[in-house]
Amino acid sequence: MAEKTTFKLTIMTPDSLLYEGNVYSVFLTGDHSEYELLPYHYPVLGVLKEGVIIINWQESIRVKVGVVRFFANDCIILMEQEAQVKRRLAKKEEFMPEAAEKEI
């Protein structure tokens, strides 16, 4: 029996590496729609909005905002989670209260 084709998936936040490995599929919530990436997908460069990244229809990771790049059977996702966004805003308020107010 033939083995399923995979592609390399790397998911990173500014603080850590969340996932790295070979997968069969990844389902994403893009800025215009939801879509699934499969092995040898056409090259993609996109923005992710708040939602869930689903890996192999078995694992999920919540995402607040991020970007995805799929090229040459290699998928890289750079993202921030809800807690990271809140920490970054709190740190900004601590050092520059007036700048944080303008952003919100």
C-alpha atoms as a PDB file:
ATOM      1  CA  MET A   1       0.000   0.000   0.000  1.00  0.00           C
ATOM      2  CA  ALA A   2       1.319   3.425  -0.937  1.00  0.00           C
ATOM      3  CA  GLU A   3       2.211   5.808   1.856  1.00  0.00           C
ATOM      4  CA  LYS A   4       0.408   9.155   2.066  1.00  0.00           C
ATOM      5  CA  THR A   5       2.251  12.179   0.713  1.00  0.00           C
ATOM      6  CA  THR A   6       3.175  14.801   3.304  1.00  0.00           C
ATOM      7  CA  PHE A   7       4.637  18.279   3.521  1.00  0.00           C
ATOM      8  CA  LYS A   8       6.702  20.029   6.182  1.00  0.00           C
ATOM      9  CA  LEU A   9       4.773  22.280   8.580  1.00  0.00           C
ATOM     10  CA  THR A  10       6.386  24.745  10.986  1.00  0.00           C
ATOM     11  CA  ILE A  11       4.272  26.902  13.324  1.00  0.00           C
ATOM     12  CA  MET A  12       6.047  29.602  15.326  1.00  0.00           C
ATOM     13  CA  THR A  13       5.158  32.438  17.676  1.00  0.00           C
ATOM     14  CA  PRO A  14       7.516  35.262  18.679  1.00  0.00           C
ATOM     15  CA  ASP A  15       8.240  33.280  21.862  1.00  0.00           C
ATOM     16  CA  SER A  16       8.438  29.656  20.763  1.00  0.00           C
ATOM     17  CA  LEU A  17       8.222  26.890  18.210  1.00  0.00           C
ATOM     18  CA  LEU A  18       4.725  25.394  18.559  1.00  0.00           C
ATOM     19  CA  TYR A  19       4.813  22.674  15.919  1.00  0.00           C
ATOM     20  CA  GLU A  20       7.286  21.149  13.485  1.00  0.00           C
ATOM     21  CA  GLY A  21       6.756  18.001  11.493  1.00  0.00           C
ATOM     22  CA  ASN A  22       5.408  16.350   8.367  1.00  0.00           C
ATOM     23  CA  VAL A  23       1.634  16.537   7.900  1.00  0.00           C
ATOM     24  CA  TYR A  24      -1.044  15.480   5.417  1.00  0.00           C
ATOM     25  CA  SER A  25      -3.137  18.647   5.671  1.00  0.00           C
ATOM     26  CA  VAL A  26      -3.542  21.955   7.486  1.00  0.00           C
ATOM     27  CA  PHE A  27      -6.824  23.865   7.638  1.00  0.00           C
ATOM     28  CA  LEU A  28      -6.637  27.650   8.126  1.00  0.00           C
ATOM     29  CA  THR A  29      -8.872  30.692   8.551  1.00  0.00           C
ATOM     30  CA  GLY A  30      -7.602  33.276   6.101  1.00  0.00           C
ATOM     31  CA  ASP A  31      -8.530  36.936   5.849  1.00  0.00           C
ATOM     32  CA  HIS A  32     -11.090  36.214   3.074  1.00  0.00           C
ATOM     33  CA  SER A  33     -12.080  32.581   3.655  1.00  0.00           C
ATOM     34  CA  GLU A  34     -11.155  29.233   5.152  1.00  0.00           C
ATOM     35  CA  TYR A  35      -8.966  26.880   3.175  1.00  0.00           C
ATOM     36  CA  GLU A  36      -7.015  23.655   3.412  1.00  0.00           C
ATOM     37  CA  LEU A  37      -3.420  23.160   2.285  1.00  0.00           C
ATOM     38  CA  LEU A  38      -2.438  19.726   0.990  1.00  0.00           C
ATOM     39  CA  PRO A  39       0.891  18.373  -0.295  1.00  0.00           C
ATOM     40  CA  TYR A  40       2.139  20.112  -3.459  1.00  0.00           C
ATOM     41  CA  HIS A  41      -0.418  22.904  -3.112  1.00  0.00           C
ATOM     42  CA  TYR A  42       0.049  25.938  -5.343  1.00  0.00           C
ATOM     43  CA  PRO A  43       2.309  28.543  -3.636  1.00  0.00           C
ATOM     44  CA  VAL A  44       0.432  30.663  -1.081  1.00  0.00           C
ATOM     45  CA  LEU A  45       1.249  33.797   0.887  1.00  0.00           C
ATOM     46  CA  GLY A  46      -1.635  34.839   3.127  1.00  0.00           C
ATOM     47  CA  VAL A  47      -2.886  36.535   6.243  1.00  0.00           C
ATOM     48  CA  LEU A  48      -4.564  34.569   9.028  1.00  0.00           C
ATOM     49  CA  LYS A  49      -7.307  36.034  11.159  1.00  0.00           C
ATOM     50  CA  GLU A  50      -8.621  34.865  14.501  1.00  0.00           C
ATOM     51  CA  GLY A  51      -9.569  31.222  14.373  1.00  0.00           C
ATOM     52  CA  VAL A  52      -8.141  27.735  14.620  1.00  0.00           C
ATOM     53  CA  ILE A  53      -5.354  25.968  12.737  1.00  0.00           C
ATOM     54  CA  ILE A  54      -6.321  22.306  12.320  1.00  0.00           C
ATOM     55  CA  ILE A  55      -3.485  19.861  11.638  1.00  0.00           C
ATOM     56  CA  ASN A  56      -4.327  16.507   9.974  1.00  0.00           C
ATOM     57  CA  TRP A  57      -7.919  16.985  11.193  1.00  0.00           C
ATOM     58  CA  GLN A  58      -6.700  15.795  14.620  1.00  0.00           C
ATOM     59  CA  GLU A  59      -4.845  18.635  16.401  1.00  0.00           C
ATOM     60  CA  SER A  60      -5.817  22.279  16.728  1.00  0.00           C
ATOM     61  CA  ILE A  61      -4.059  25.506  17.706  1.00  0.00           C
ATOM     62  CA  ARG A  62      -5.916  28.770  18.403  1.00  0.00           C
ATOM     63  CA  VAL A  63      -4.582  31.780  16.532  1.00  0.00           C
ATOM     64  CA  LYS A  64      -5.279  35.503  17.034  1.00  0.00           C
ATOM     65  CA  VAL A  65      -3.404  36.801  13.978  1.00  0.00           C
ATOM     66  CA  GLY A  66      -0.673  35.505  11.679  1.00  0.00           C
ATOM     67  CA  VAL A  67       0.778  34.909   8.238  1.00  0.00           C
ATOM     68  CA  VAL A  68       1.229  31.727   6.218  1.00  0.00           C
ATOM     69  CA  ARG A  69       3.701  30.873   3.456  1.00  0.00           C
ATOM     70  CA  PHE A  70       3.457  27.664   1.448  1.00  0.00           C
ATOM     71  CA  PHE A  71       6.167  27.089  -1.142  1.00  0.00           C
ATOM     72  CA  ALA A  72       7.973  23.985  -2.440  1.00  0.00           C
ATOM     73  CA  ASN A  73       6.011  21.643  -0.157  1.00  0.00           C
ATOM     74  CA  ASP A  74       7.097  23.621   2.927  1.00  0.00           C
ATOM     75  CA  CYS A  75       4.548  25.535   5.032  1.00  0.00           C
ATOM     76  CA  ILE A  76       5.616  28.149   7.573  1.00  0.00           C
ATOM     77  CA  ILE A  77       3.098  29.868   9.847  1.00  0.00           C
ATOM     78  CA  LEU A  78       4.120  32.843  11.972  1.00  0.00           C
ATOM     79  CA  MET A  79       1.385  33.675  14.460  1.00  0.00           C
ATOM     80  CA  GLU A  80       0.375  35.256  17.732  1.00  0.00           C
ATOM     81  CA  GLN A  81      -2.048  33.818  20.221  1.00  0.00           C
ATOM     82  CA  GLU A  82      -4.585  35.792  22.281  1.00  0.00           C
ATOM     83  CA  ALA A  83      -2.455  35.803  25.452  1.00  0.00           C
ATOM     84  CA  GLN A  84       0.584  37.089  23.553  1.00  0.00           C
ATOM     85  CA  VAL A  85      -1.374  39.998  22.066  1.00  0.00           C
ATOM     86  CA  LYS A  86      -2.692  40.979  25.513  1.00  0.00           C
ATOM     87  CA  ARG A  87       0.828  40.830  27.025  1.00  0.00           C
ATOM     88  CA  ARG A  88       2.233  42.977  24.222  1.00  0.00           C
ATOM     89  CA  LEU A  89      -0.502  45.617  24.678  1.00  0.00           C
ATOM     90  CA  ALA A  90      -0.020  45.617  28.465  1.00  0.00           C
ATOM     91  CA  LYS A  91       3.730  46.100  28.045  1.00  0.00           C
ATOM     92  CA  LYS A  92       3.120  48.953  25.591  1.00  0.00           C
ATOM     93  CA  GLU A  93       0.718  50.629  28.073  1.00  0.00           C
ATOM     94  CA  GLU A  94       3.328  50.337  30.807  1.00  0.00           C
ATOM     95  CA  PHE A  95       5.942  52.259  28.815  1.00  0.00           C
ATOM     96  CA  MET A  96       3.782  54.471  26.586  1.00  0.00           C
ATOM     97  CA  PRO A  97       0.200  54.823  27.926  1.00  0.00           C
ATOM     98  CA  GLU A  98      -0.820  57.405  25.320  1.00  0.00           C
ATOM     99  CA  ALA A  99       0.323  55.207  22.382  1.00  0.00           C
ATOM    100  CA  ALA A 100      -1.642  52.196  23.641  1.00  0.00           C
ATOM    101  CA  GLU A 101      -4.825  54.263  23.910  1.00  0.00           C
ATOM    102  CA  LYS A 102      -4.541  55.363  20.277  1.00  0.00           C
ATOM    103  CA  GLU A 103      -4.090  51.785  19.079  1.00  0.00           C
ATOM    104  CA  ILE A 104      -7.302  50.534  20.719  1.00  0.00           C
END
